[in-house]
Amino acid sequence: MTSKVSKKVIGFIQADVETTKGGIHPVLLKSKALGEEVLNGLHFMATNVNVELADTFDRFKNVLEYKGSHLKEIEIYEALRSINYPFMPSFYGSKIERKERFIFLC
């Protein structure tokens, strides 16, 4: 959906990370779309369904759960890690790269 409004790489990427001690670990990188990009993608989809729907969506987009969703997801992972929640992938951290990408290592 966000590929219609953004050209950056979004999704999951398998990679191997080498530690400073020489160990190699397989990880899953998750590159997140910004909340604004998700909202733009949803608006694009709504315009293809109905003009009134798109207008309504545009009017209420600032109170939808997708606003800031890229930040919310990071906070959820960090909160679950802080309580040692056992039913989630290993979360090694996140990195903000030029305020465009939010990446999780699992």
PDB file of N, CA and C in Angstrom:
ATOM      1  N   MET A   1       0.818  -1.189   0.000  1.00  0.00           N
ATOM      2  CA  MET A   1       0.000   0.000   0.000  1.00  0.00           C
ATOM      3  C   MET A   1       0.866   1.260   0.000  1.00  0.00           C
ATOM      4  N   THR A   2       1.896   1.276   0.847  1.00  0.00           N
ATOM      5  CA  THR A   2       2.727   2.482   0.910  1.00  0.00           C
ATOM      6  C   THR A   2       3.647   2.603  -0.296  1.00  0.00           C
ATOM      7  N   SER A   3       3.790   1.539  -1.075  1.00  0.00           N
ATOM      8  CA  SER A   3       4.638   1.628  -2.264  1.00  0.00           C
ATOM      9  C   SER A   3       4.070   2.612  -3.283  1.00  0.00           C
ATOM     10  N   LYS A   4       2.795   2.945  -3.163  1.00  0.00           N
ATOM     11  CA  LYS A   4       2.181   3.931  -4.052  1.00  0.00           C
ATOM     12  C   LYS A   4       2.582   5.360  -3.686  1.00  0.00           C
ATOM     13  N   VAL A   5       3.036   5.563  -2.451  1.00  0.00           N
ATOM     14  CA  VAL A   5       3.361   6.922  -2.000  1.00  0.00           C
ATOM     15  C   VAL A   5       4.813   7.073  -1.540  1.00  0.00           C
ATOM     16  N   SER A   6       5.593   5.990  -1.564  1.00  0.00           N
ATOM     17  CA  SER A   6       6.976   6.047  -1.108  1.00  0.00           C
ATOM     18  C   SER A   6       7.835   5.129  -1.968  1.00  0.00           C
ATOM     19  N   LYS A   7       9.052   5.543  -2.229  1.00  0.00           N
ATOM     20  CA  LYS A   7       9.968   4.745  -3.053  1.00  0.00           C
ATOM     21  C   LYS A   7      11.036   4.032  -2.227  1.00  0.00           C
ATOM     22  N   LYS A   8      11.029   4.206  -0.914  1.00  0.00           N
ATOM     23  CA  LYS A   8      12.062   3.578  -0.099  1.00  0.00           C
ATOM     24  C   LYS A   8      11.727   2.105   0.156  1.00  0.00           C
ATOM     25  N   VAL A   9      12.727   1.361   0.564  1.00  0.00           N
ATOM     26  CA  VAL A   9      12.551  -0.057   0.860  1.00  0.00           C
ATOM     27  C   VAL A   9      11.767  -0.193   2.156  1.00  0.00           C
ATOM     28  N   ILE A  10      10.652  -0.909   2.094  1.00  0.00           N
ATOM     29  CA  ILE A  10       9.809  -1.134   3.267  1.00  0.00           C
ATOM     30  C   ILE A  10       9.517  -2.623   3.340  1.00  0.00           C
ATOM     31  N   GLY A  11       9.680  -3.199   4.517  1.00  0.00           N
ATOM     32  CA  GLY A  11       9.372  -4.610   4.685  1.00  0.00           C
ATOM     33  C   GLY A  11      10.461  -5.333   5.447  1.00  0.00           C
ATOM     34  N   PHE A  12      10.530  -6.644   5.234  1.00  0.00           N
ATOM     35  CA  PHE A  12      11.470  -7.503   5.948  1.00  0.00           C
ATOM     36  C   PHE A  12      12.649  -7.876   5.062  1.00  0.00           C
ATOM     37  N   ILE A  13      13.839  -7.904   5.663  1.00  0.00           N
ATOM     38  CA  ILE A  13      15.054  -8.261   4.943  1.00  0.00           C
ATOM     39  C   ILE A  13      15.859  -9.205   5.830  1.00  0.00           C
ATOM     40  N   GLN A  14      16.237 -10.362   5.290  1.00  0.00           N
ATOM     41  CA  GLN A  14      17.104 -11.276   6.028  1.00  0.00           C
ATOM     42  C   GLN A  14      18.535 -10.809   5.876  1.00  0.00           C
ATOM     43  N   ALA A  15      19.296 -10.883   6.971  1.00  0.00           N
ATOM     44  CA  ALA A  15      20.700 -10.449   6.926  1.00  0.00           C
ATOM     45  C   ALA A  15      21.495 -11.193   7.985  1.00  0.00           C
ATOM     46  N   ASP A  16      22.802 -11.157   7.844  1.00  0.00           N
ATOM     47  CA  ASP A  16      23.717 -11.674   8.852  1.00  0.00           C
ATOM     48  C   ASP A  16      24.468 -10.491   9.444  1.00  0.00           C
ATOM     49  N   VAL A  17      24.537 -10.439  10.764  1.00  0.00           N
ATOM     50  CA  VAL A  17      25.228  -9.358  11.458  1.00  0.00           C
ATOM     51  C   VAL A  17      26.472  -9.939  12.119  1.00  0.00           C
ATOM     52  N   GLU A  18      27.591  -9.289  11.880  1.00  0.00           N
ATOM     53  CA  GLU A  18      28.841  -9.721  12.495  1.00  0.00           C
ATOM     54  C   GLU A  18      29.107  -8.863  13.717  1.00  0.00           C
ATOM     55  N   THR A  19      29.364  -9.509  14.846  1.00  0.00           N
ATOM     56  CA  THR A  19      29.633  -8.791  16.084  1.00  0.00           C
ATOM     57  C   THR A  19      31.106  -8.386  16.146  1.00  0.00           C
ATOM     58  N   THR A  20      31.428  -7.532  17.112  1.00  0.00           N
ATOM     59  CA  THR A  20      32.820  -7.100  17.279  1.00  0.00           C
ATOM     60  C   THR A  20      33.717  -8.255  17.711  1.00  0.00           C
ATOM     61  N   LYS A  21      33.109  -9.310  18.254  1.00  0.00           N
ATOM     62  CA  LYS A  21      33.888 -10.484  18.673  1.00  0.00           C
ATOM     63  C   LYS A  21      34.010 -11.514  17.551  1.00  0.00           C
ATOM     64  N   GLY A  22      33.495 -11.185  16.381  1.00  0.00           N
ATOM     65  CA  GLY A  22      33.646 -12.068  15.229  1.00  0.00           C
ATOM     66  C   GLY A  22      32.509 -13.049  15.017  1.00  0.00           C
ATOM     67  N   GLY A  23      31.520 -13.052  15.882  1.00  0.00           N
ATOM     68  CA  GLY A  23      30.380 -13.946  15.699  1.00  0.00           C
ATOM     69  C   GLY A  23      29.439 -13.425  14.623  1.00  0.00           C
ATOM     70  N   ILE A  24      28.814 -14.352  13.924  1.00  0.00           N
ATOM     71  CA  ILE A  24      27.846 -13.980  12.899  1.00  0.00           C
ATOM     72  C   ILE A  24      26.480 -14.502  13.320  1.00  0.00           C
ATOM     73  N   HIS A  25      25.484 -13.604  13.284  1.00  0.00           N
ATOM     74  CA  HIS A  25      24.136 -13.952  13.732  1.00  0.00           C
ATOM     75  C   HIS A  25      23.122 -13.605  12.650  1.00  0.00           C
ATOM     76  N   PRO A  26      22.254 -14.561  12.320  1.00  0.00           N
ATOM     77  CA  PRO A  26      21.192 -14.239  11.354  1.00  0.00           C
ATOM     78  C   PRO A  26      20.136 -13.369  12.034  1.00  0.00           C
ATOM     79  N   VAL A  27      19.685 -12.332  11.347  1.00  0.00           N
ATOM     80  CA  VAL A  27      18.672 -11.437  11.888  1.00  0.00           C
ATOM     81  C   VAL A  27      17.629 -11.142  10.811  1.00  0.00           C
ATOM     82  N   LEU A  28      16.533 -10.611  11.253  1.00  0.00           N
ATOM     83  CA  LEU A  28      15.495 -10.135  10.365  1.00  0.00           C
ATOM     84  C   LEU A  28      15.370  -8.636  10.576  1.00  0.00           C
ATOM     85  N   LEU A  29      15.628  -7.854   9.543  1.00  0.00           N
ATOM     86  CA  LEU A  29      15.508  -6.404   9.619  1.00  0.00           C
ATOM     87  C   LEU A  29      14.113  -6.015   9.161  1.00  0.00           C
ATOM     88  N   LYS A  30      13.511  -5.098   9.860  1.00  0.00           N
ATOM     89  CA  LYS A  30      12.187  -4.613   9.482  1.00  0.00           C
ATOM     90  C   LYS A  30      12.278  -3.118   9.256  1.00  0.00           C
ATOM     91  N   SER A  31      12.100  -2.722   8.013  1.00  0.00           N
ATOM     92  CA  SER A  31      12.128  -1.311   7.659  1.00  0.00           C
ATOM     93  C   SER A  31      10.687  -0.819   7.627  1.00  0.00           C
ATOM     94  N   LYS A  32      10.386   0.137   8.470  1.00  0.00           N
ATOM     95  CA  LYS A  32       9.008   0.603   8.651  1.00  0.00           C
ATOM     96  C   LYS A  32       8.672   1.781   7.759  1.00  0.00           C
ATOM     97  N   ALA A  33       7.435   1.798   7.304  1.00  0.00           N
ATOM     98  CA  ALA A  33       6.894   3.002   6.664  1.00  0.00           C
ATOM     99  C   ALA A  33       6.550   3.989   7.774  1.00  0.00           C
ATOM    100  N   LEU A  34       6.738   5.263   7.507  1.00  0.00           N
ATOM    101  CA  LEU A  34       6.329   6.271   8.478  1.00  0.00           C
ATOM    102  C   LEU A  34       4.811   6.278   8.586  1.00  0.00           C
ATOM    103  N   GLY A  35       4.300   6.663   9.740  1.00  0.00           N
ATOM    104  CA  GLY A  35       2.856   6.755   9.921  1.00  0.00           C
ATOM    105  C   GLY A  35       2.201   7.619   8.858  1.00  0.00           C
ATOM    106  N   GLU A  36       2.864   8.710   8.501  1.00  0.00           N
ATOM    107  CA  GLU A  36       2.335   9.609   7.464  1.00  0.00           C
ATOM    108  C   GLU A  36       2.243   8.895   6.106  1.00  0.00           C
ATOM    109  N   GLU A  37       3.231   8.046   5.819  1.00  0.00           N
ATOM    110  CA  GLU A  37       3.205   7.289   4.561  1.00  0.00           C
ATOM    111  C   GLU A  37       2.062   6.277   4.550  1.00  0.00           C
ATOM    112  N   VAL A  38       1.813   5.654   5.685  1.00  0.00           N
ATOM    113  CA  VAL A  38       0.686   4.722   5.787  1.00  0.00           C
ATOM    114  C   VAL A  38      -0.620   5.469   5.564  1.00  0.00           C
ATOM    115  N   LEU A  39      -0.760   6.623   6.205  1.00  0.00           N
ATOM    116  CA  LEU A  39      -1.974   7.432   6.020  1.00  0.00           C
ATOM    117  C   LEU A  39      -2.146   7.862   4.571  1.00  0.00           C
ATOM    118  N   ASN A  40      -1.059   8.247   3.914  1.00  0.00           N
ATOM    119  CA  ASN A  40      -1.141   8.624   2.504  1.00  0.00           C
ATOM    120  C   ASN A  40      -1.542   7.441   1.632  1.00  0.00           C
ATOM    121  N   GLY A  41      -1.027   6.264   1.948  1.00  0.00           N
ATOM    122  CA  GLY A  41      -1.403   5.064   1.209  1.00  0.00           C
ATOM    123  C   GLY A  41      -2.874   4.722   1.399  1.00  0.00           C
ATOM    124  N   LEU A  42      -3.365   4.849   2.620  1.00  0.00           N
ATOM    125  CA  LEU A  42      -4.783   4.598   2.889  1.00  0.00           C
ATOM    126  C   LEU A  42      -5.668   5.618   2.181  1.00  0.00           C
ATOM    127  N   HIS A  43      -5.225   6.859   2.164  1.00  0.00           N
ATOM    128  CA  HIS A  43      -5.990   7.894   1.461  1.00  0.00           C
ATOM    129  C   HIS A  43      -6.038   7.589  -0.035  1.00  0.00           C
ATOM    130  N   PHE A  44      -4.922   7.166  -0.595  1.00  0.00           N
ATOM    131  CA  PHE A  44      -4.881   6.786  -2.009  1.00  0.00           C
ATOM    132  C   PHE A  44      -5.876   5.666  -2.292  1.00  0.00           C
ATOM    133  N   MET A  45      -5.899   4.674  -1.409  1.00  0.00           N
ATOM    134  CA  MET A  45      -6.822   3.556  -1.580  1.00  0.00           C
ATOM    135  C   MET A  45      -8.271   4.037  -1.466  1.00  0.00           C
ATOM    136  N   ALA A  46      -8.536   4.916  -0.521  1.00  0.00           N
ATOM    137  CA  ALA A  46      -9.893   5.434  -0.337  1.00  0.00           C
ATOM    138  C   ALA A  46     -10.357   6.226  -1.556  1.00  0.00           C
ATOM    139  N   THR A  47      -9.445   6.954  -2.206  1.00  0.00           N
ATOM    140  CA  THR A  47      -9.836   7.717  -3.396  1.00  0.00           C
ATOM    141  C   THR A  47     -10.270   6.800  -4.530  1.00  0.00           C
ATOM    142  N   ASN A  48      -9.763   5.579  -4.534  1.00  0.00           N
ATOM    143  CA  ASN A  48     -10.153   4.617  -5.567  1.00  0.00           C
ATOM    144  C   ASN A  48     -11.482   3.940  -5.260  1.00  0.00           C
ATOM    145  N   VAL A  49     -11.955   4.091  -4.036  1.00  0.00           N
ATOM    146  CA  VAL A  49     -13.238   3.495  -3.642  1.00  0.00           C
ATOM    147  C   VAL A  49     -14.362   4.516  -3.798  1.00  0.00           C
ATOM    148  N   ASN A  50     -14.159   5.691  -3.192  1.00  0.00           N
ATOM    149  CA  ASN A  50     -15.237   6.669  -3.172  1.00  0.00           C
ATOM    150  C   ASN A  50     -14.672   8.026  -2.748  1.00  0.00           C
ATOM    151  N   VAL A  51     -15.067   9.076  -3.424  1.00  0.00           N
ATOM    152  CA  VAL A  51     -14.570  10.417  -3.110  1.00  0.00           C
ATOM    153  C   VAL A  51     -14.985  10.844  -1.705  1.00  0.00           C
ATOM    154  N   GLU A  52     -16.206  10.557  -1.317  1.00  0.00           N
ATOM    155  CA  GLU A  52     -16.674  10.922   0.029  1.00  0.00           C
ATOM    156  C   GLU A  52     -15.875  10.188   1.098  1.00  0.00           C
ATOM    157  N   LEU A  53     -15.572   8.924   0.842  1.00  0.00           N
ATOM    158  CA  LEU A  53     -14.760   8.154   1.792  1.00  0.00           C
ATOM    159  C   LEU A  53     -13.381   8.795   1.937  1.00  0.00           C
ATOM    160  N   ALA A  54     -12.789   9.175   0.814  1.00  0.00           N
ATOM    161  CA  ALA A  54     -11.470   9.807   0.857  1.00  0.00           C
ATOM    162  C   ALA A  54     -11.516  11.128   1.609  1.00  0.00           C
ATOM    163  N   ASP A  55     -12.567  11.910   1.385  1.00  0.00           N
ATOM    164  CA  ASP A  55     -12.702  13.179   2.101  1.00  0.00           C
ATOM    165  C   ASP A  55     -12.881  12.963   3.599  1.00  0.00           C
ATOM    166  N   THR A  56     -13.690  11.977   3.962  1.00  0.00           N
ATOM    167  CA  THR A  56     -13.905  11.657   5.378  1.00  0.00           C
ATOM    168  C   THR A  56     -12.608  11.177   6.012  1.00  0.00           C
ATOM    169  N   PHE A  57     -11.898  10.330   5.311  1.00  0.00           N
ATOM    170  CA  PHE A  57     -10.615   9.838   5.809  1.00  0.00           C
ATOM    171  C   PHE A  57      -9.653  11.006   6.041  1.00  0.00           C
ATOM    172  N   ASP A  58      -9.580  11.907   5.071  1.00  0.00           N
ATOM    173  CA  ASP A  58      -8.682  13.045   5.178  1.00  0.00           C
ATOM    174  C   ASP A  58      -9.031  13.941   6.370  1.00  0.00           C
ATOM    175  N   ARG A  59     -10.317  14.068   6.632  1.00  0.00           N
ATOM    176  CA  ARG A  59     -10.765  14.912   7.746  1.00  0.00           C
ATOM    177  C   ARG A  59     -10.372  14.324   9.098  1.00  0.00           C
ATOM    178  N   PHE A  60     -10.357  12.991   9.225  1.00  0.00           N
ATOM    179  CA  PHE A  60     -10.112  12.348  10.521  1.00  0.00           C
ATOM    180  C   PHE A  60      -8.753  11.662  10.629  1.00  0.00           C
ATOM    181  N   LYS A  61      -7.867  11.844   9.648  1.00  0.00           N
ATOM    182  CA  LYS A  61      -6.609  11.101   9.642  1.00  0.00           C
ATOM    183  C   LYS A  61      -5.729  11.376  10.862  1.00  0.00           C
ATOM    184  N   ASN A  62      -5.857  12.547  11.460  1.00  0.00           N
ATOM    185  CA  ASN A  62      -5.012  12.874  12.611  1.00  0.00           C
ATOM    186  C   ASN A  62      -5.435  12.194  13.908  1.00  0.00           C
ATOM    187  N   VAL A  63      -6.595  11.549  13.913  1.00  0.00           N
ATOM    188  CA  VAL A  63      -7.020  10.833  15.122  1.00  0.00           C
ATOM    189  C   VAL A  63      -7.040   9.320  14.906  1.00  0.00           C
ATOM    190  N   LEU A  64      -6.590   8.858  13.756  1.00  0.00           N
ATOM    191  CA  LEU A  64      -6.540   7.419  13.490  1.00  0.00           C
ATOM    192  C   LEU A  64      -5.300   6.795  14.127  1.00  0.00           C
ATOM    193  N   GLU A  65      -5.369   5.510  14.377  1.00  0.00           N
ATOM    194  CA  GLU A  65      -4.267   4.804  15.027  1.00  0.00           C
ATOM    195  C   GLU A  65      -3.008   4.737  14.176  1.00  0.00           C
ATOM    196  N   TYR A  66      -3.089   5.035  12.903  1.00  0.00           N
ATOM    197  CA  TYR A  66      -1.920   4.960  12.027  1.00  0.00           C
ATOM    198  C   TYR A  66      -0.986   6.155  12.181  1.00  0.00           C
ATOM    199  N   LYS A  67      -1.475   7.247  12.723  1.00  0.00           N
ATOM    200  CA  LYS A  67      -0.620   8.426  12.925  1.00  0.00           C
ATOM    201  C   LYS A  67       0.471   8.068  13.943  1.00  0.00           C
ATOM    202  N   GLY A  68       1.708   8.209  13.518  1.00  0.00           N
ATOM    203  CA  GLY A  68       2.830   7.879  14.396  1.00  0.00           C
ATOM    204  C   GLY A  68       3.008   6.392  14.642  1.00  0.00           C
ATOM    205  N   SER A  69       2.417   5.557  13.800  1.00  0.00           N
ATOM    206  CA  SER A  69       2.474   4.107  14.037  1.00  0.00           C
ATOM    207  C   SER A  69       3.903   3.572  14.044  1.00  0.00           C
ATOM    208  N   HIS A  70       4.807   4.176  13.291  1.00  0.00           N
ATOM    209  CA  HIS A  70       6.195   3.722  13.273  1.00  0.00           C
ATOM    210  C   HIS A  70       6.848   3.913  14.642  1.00  0.00           C
ATOM    211  N   LEU A  71       6.483   4.955  15.350  1.00  0.00           N
ATOM    212  CA  LEU A  71       7.026   5.181  16.689  1.00  0.00           C
ATOM    213  C   LEU A  71       6.343   4.305  17.726  1.00  0.00           C
ATOM    214  N   LYS A  72       5.047   4.115  17.571  1.00  0.00           N
ATOM    215  CA  LYS A  72       4.295   3.283  18.517  1.00  0.00           C
ATOM    216  C   LYS A  72       4.818   1.856  18.518  1.00  0.00           C
ATOM    217  N   GLU A  73       5.135   1.331  17.333  1.00  0.00           N
ATOM    218  CA  GLU A  73       5.610  -0.046  17.260  1.00  0.00           C
ATOM    219  C   GLU A  73       6.943  -0.215  17.981  1.00  0.00           C
ATOM    220  N   ILE A  74       7.825   0.757  17.837  1.00  0.00           N
ATOM    221  CA  ILE A  74       9.099   0.699  18.551  1.00  0.00           C
ATOM    222  C   ILE A  74       8.852   0.696  20.061  1.00  0.00           C
ATOM    223  N   GLU A  75       7.954   1.553  20.521  1.00  0.00           N
ATOM    224  CA  GLU A  75       7.649   1.623  21.954  1.00  0.00           C
ATOM    225  C   GLU A  75       7.062   0.318  22.468  1.00  0.00           C
ATOM    226  N   ILE A  76       6.235  -0.339  21.666  1.00  0.00           N
ATOM    227  CA  ILE A  76       5.651  -1.617  22.075  1.00  0.00           C
ATOM    228  C   ILE A  76       6.744  -2.671  22.229  1.00  0.00           C
ATOM    229  N   TYR A  77       7.625  -2.778  21.225  1.00  0.00           N
ATOM    230  CA  TYR A  77       8.722  -3.749  21.313  1.00  0.00           C
ATOM    231  C   TYR A  77       9.594  -3.475  22.532  1.00  0.00           C
ATOM    232  N   GLU A  78       9.923  -2.217  22.778  1.00  0.00           N
ATOM    233  CA  GLU A  78      10.771  -1.883  23.918  1.00  0.00           C
ATOM    234  C   GLU A  78      10.081  -2.179  25.244  1.00  0.00           C
ATOM    235  N   ALA A  79       8.776  -1.916  25.329  1.00  0.00           N
ATOM    236  CA  ALA A  79       8.038  -2.195  26.562  1.00  0.00           C
ATOM    237  C   ALA A  79       7.965  -3.700  26.822  1.00  0.00           C
ATOM    238  N   LEU A  80       7.710  -4.470  25.782  1.00  0.00           N
ATOM    239  CA  LEU A  80       7.646  -5.923  25.953  1.00  0.00           C
ATOM    240  C   LEU A  80       9.001  -6.501  26.338  1.00  0.00           C
ATOM    241  N   ARG A  81      10.068  -5.950  25.759  1.00  0.00           N
ATOM    242  CA  ARG A  81      11.405  -6.422  26.116  1.00  0.00           C
ATOM    243  C   ARG A  81      11.720  -6.084  27.572  1.00  0.00           C
ATOM    244  N   SER A  82      11.282  -4.914  28.033  1.00  0.00           N
ATOM    245  CA  SER A  82      11.601  -4.484  29.396  1.00  0.00           C
ATOM    246  C   SER A  82      10.948  -5.364  30.461  1.00  0.00           C
ATOM    247  N   ILE A  83       9.851  -6.035  30.116  1.00  0.00           N
ATOM    248  CA  ILE A  83       9.203  -6.934  31.083  1.00  0.00           C
ATOM    249  C   ILE A  83       9.494  -8.402  30.775  1.00  0.00           C
ATOM    250  N   ASN A  84      10.456  -8.616  29.865  1.00  0.00           N
ATOM    251  CA  ASN A  84      10.847  -9.980  29.461  1.00  0.00           C
ATOM    252  C   ASN A  84       9.662 -10.806  28.973  1.00  0.00           C
ATOM    253  N   TYR A  85       8.830 -10.180  28.166  1.00  0.00           N
ATOM    254  CA  TYR A  85       7.670 -10.873  27.594  1.00  0.00           C
ATOM    255  C   TYR A  85       8.172 -12.026  26.730  1.00  0.00           C
ATOM    256  N   PRO A  86       7.741 -13.272  27.024  1.00  0.00           N
ATOM    257  CA  PRO A  86       8.342 -14.431  26.359  1.00  0.00           C
ATOM    258  C   PRO A  86       7.796 -14.753  24.963  1.00  0.00           C
ATOM    259  N   PHE A  87       6.689 -14.147  24.551  1.00  0.00           N
ATOM    260  CA  PHE A  87       6.037 -14.552  23.310  1.00  0.00           C
ATOM    261  C   PHE A  87       6.218 -13.539  22.189  1.00  0.00           C
ATOM    262  N   MET A  88       7.474 -13.177  21.944  1.00  0.00           N
ATOM    263  CA  MET A  88       7.799 -12.281  20.841  1.00  0.00           C
ATOM    264  C   MET A  88       9.188 -12.642  20.340  1.00  0.00           C
ATOM    265  N   PRO A  89       9.512 -12.271  19.109  1.00  0.00           N
ATOM    266  CA  PRO A  89      10.874 -12.540  18.626  1.00  0.00           C
ATOM    267  C   PRO A  89      11.892 -11.783  19.461  1.00  0.00           C
ATOM    268  N   SER A  90      13.108 -12.246  19.431  1.00  0.00           N
ATOM    269  CA  SER A  90      14.179 -11.510  20.117  1.00  0.00           C
ATOM    270  C   SER A  90      14.267 -10.124  19.502  1.00  0.00           C
ATOM    271  N   PHE A  91      14.281  -9.126  20.346  1.00  0.00           N
ATOM    272  CA  PHE A  91      14.342  -7.743  19.876  1.00  0.00           C
ATOM    273  C   PHE A  91      15.653  -7.150  20.339  1.00  0.00           C
ATOM    274  N   TYR A  92      16.526  -6.835  19.401  1.00  0.00           N
ATOM    275  CA  TYR A  92      17.846  -6.335  19.736  1.00  0.00           C
ATOM    276  C   TYR A  92      17.922  -4.818  19.741  1.00  0.00           C
ATOM    277  N   GLY A  93      16.918  -4.162  19.192  1.00  0.00           N
ATOM    278  CA  GLY A  93      16.917  -2.715  19.202  1.00  0.00           C
ATOM    279  C   GLY A  93      16.399  -2.131  17.905  1.00  0.00           C
ATOM    280  N   SER A  94      16.445  -0.823  17.844  1.00  0.00           N
ATOM    281  CA  SER A  94      15.967  -0.118  16.659  1.00  0.00           C
ATOM    282  C   SER A  94      16.929   1.014  16.347  1.00  0.00           C
ATOM    283  N   LYS A  95      16.848   1.483  15.130  1.00  0.00           N
ATOM    284  CA  LYS A  95      17.724   2.573  14.714  1.00  0.00           C
ATOM    285  C   LYS A  95      16.936   3.495  13.799  1.00  0.00           C
ATOM    286  N   ILE A  96      17.095   4.774  14.048  1.00  0.00           N
ATOM    287  CA  ILE A  96      16.469   5.768  13.193  1.00  0.00           C
ATOM    288  C   ILE A  96      17.557   6.283  12.264  1.00  0.00           C
ATOM    289  N   GLU A  97      17.367   6.071  10.985  1.00  0.00           N
ATOM    290  CA  GLU A  97      18.359   6.483  10.000  1.00  0.00           C
ATOM    291  C   GLU A  97      17.826   7.668   9.206  1.00  0.00           C
ATOM    292  N   ARG A  98      18.395   8.822   9.433  1.00  0.00           N
ATOM    293  CA  ARG A  98      17.972  10.055   8.764  1.00  0.00           C
ATOM    294  C   ARG A  98      16.487  10.328   8.941  1.00  0.00           C
ATOM    295  N   LYS A  99      15.943   9.891  10.057  1.00  0.00           N
ATOM    296  CA  LYS A  99      14.532  10.086  10.389  1.00  0.00           C
ATOM    297  C   LYS A  99      13.603   9.568   9.295  1.00  0.00           C
ATOM    298  N   GLU A 100      14.059   8.559   8.563  1.00  0.00           N
ATOM    299  CA  GLU A 100      13.235   8.000   7.505  1.00  0.00           C
ATOM    300  C   GLU A 100      12.919   6.540   7.722  1.00  0.00           C
ATOM    301  N   ARG A 101      13.856   5.815   8.297  1.00  0.00           N
ATOM    302  CA  ARG A 101      13.641   4.383   8.439  1.00  0.00           C
ATOM    303  C   ARG A 101      13.729   3.983   9.897  1.00  0.00           C
ATOM    304  N   PHE A 102      12.877   3.072  10.255  1.00  0.00           N
ATOM    305  CA  PHE A 102      12.871   2.544  11.616  1.00  0.00           C
ATOM    306  C   PHE A 102      13.064   1.042  11.480  1.00  0.00           C
ATOM    307  N   ILE A 103      14.178   0.538  11.992  1.00  0.00           N
ATOM    308  CA  ILE A 103      14.544  -0.835  11.738  1.00  0.00           C
ATOM    309  C   ILE A 103      14.615  -1.613  13.047  1.00  0.00           C
ATOM    310  N   PHE A 104      14.024  -2.785  13.047  1.00  0.00           N
ATOM    311  CA  PHE A 104      14.064  -3.668  14.196  1.00  0.00           C
ATOM    312  C   PHE A 104      14.926  -4.875  13.841  1.00  0.00           C
ATOM    313  N   LEU A 105      15.712  -5.314  14.770  1.00  0.00           N
ATOM    314  CA  LEU A 105      16.476  -6.532  14.570  1.00  0.00           C
ATOM    315  C   LEU A 105      15.853  -7.630  15.411  1.00  0.00           C
ATOM    316  N   CYS A 106      15.429  -8.687  14.775  1.00  0.00           N
ATOM    317  CA  CYS A 106      14.765  -9.787  15.497  1.00  0.00           C
ATOM    318  C   CYS A 106      15.510 -11.083  15.245  1.00  0.00           C
TER     319      CYS A 106
END
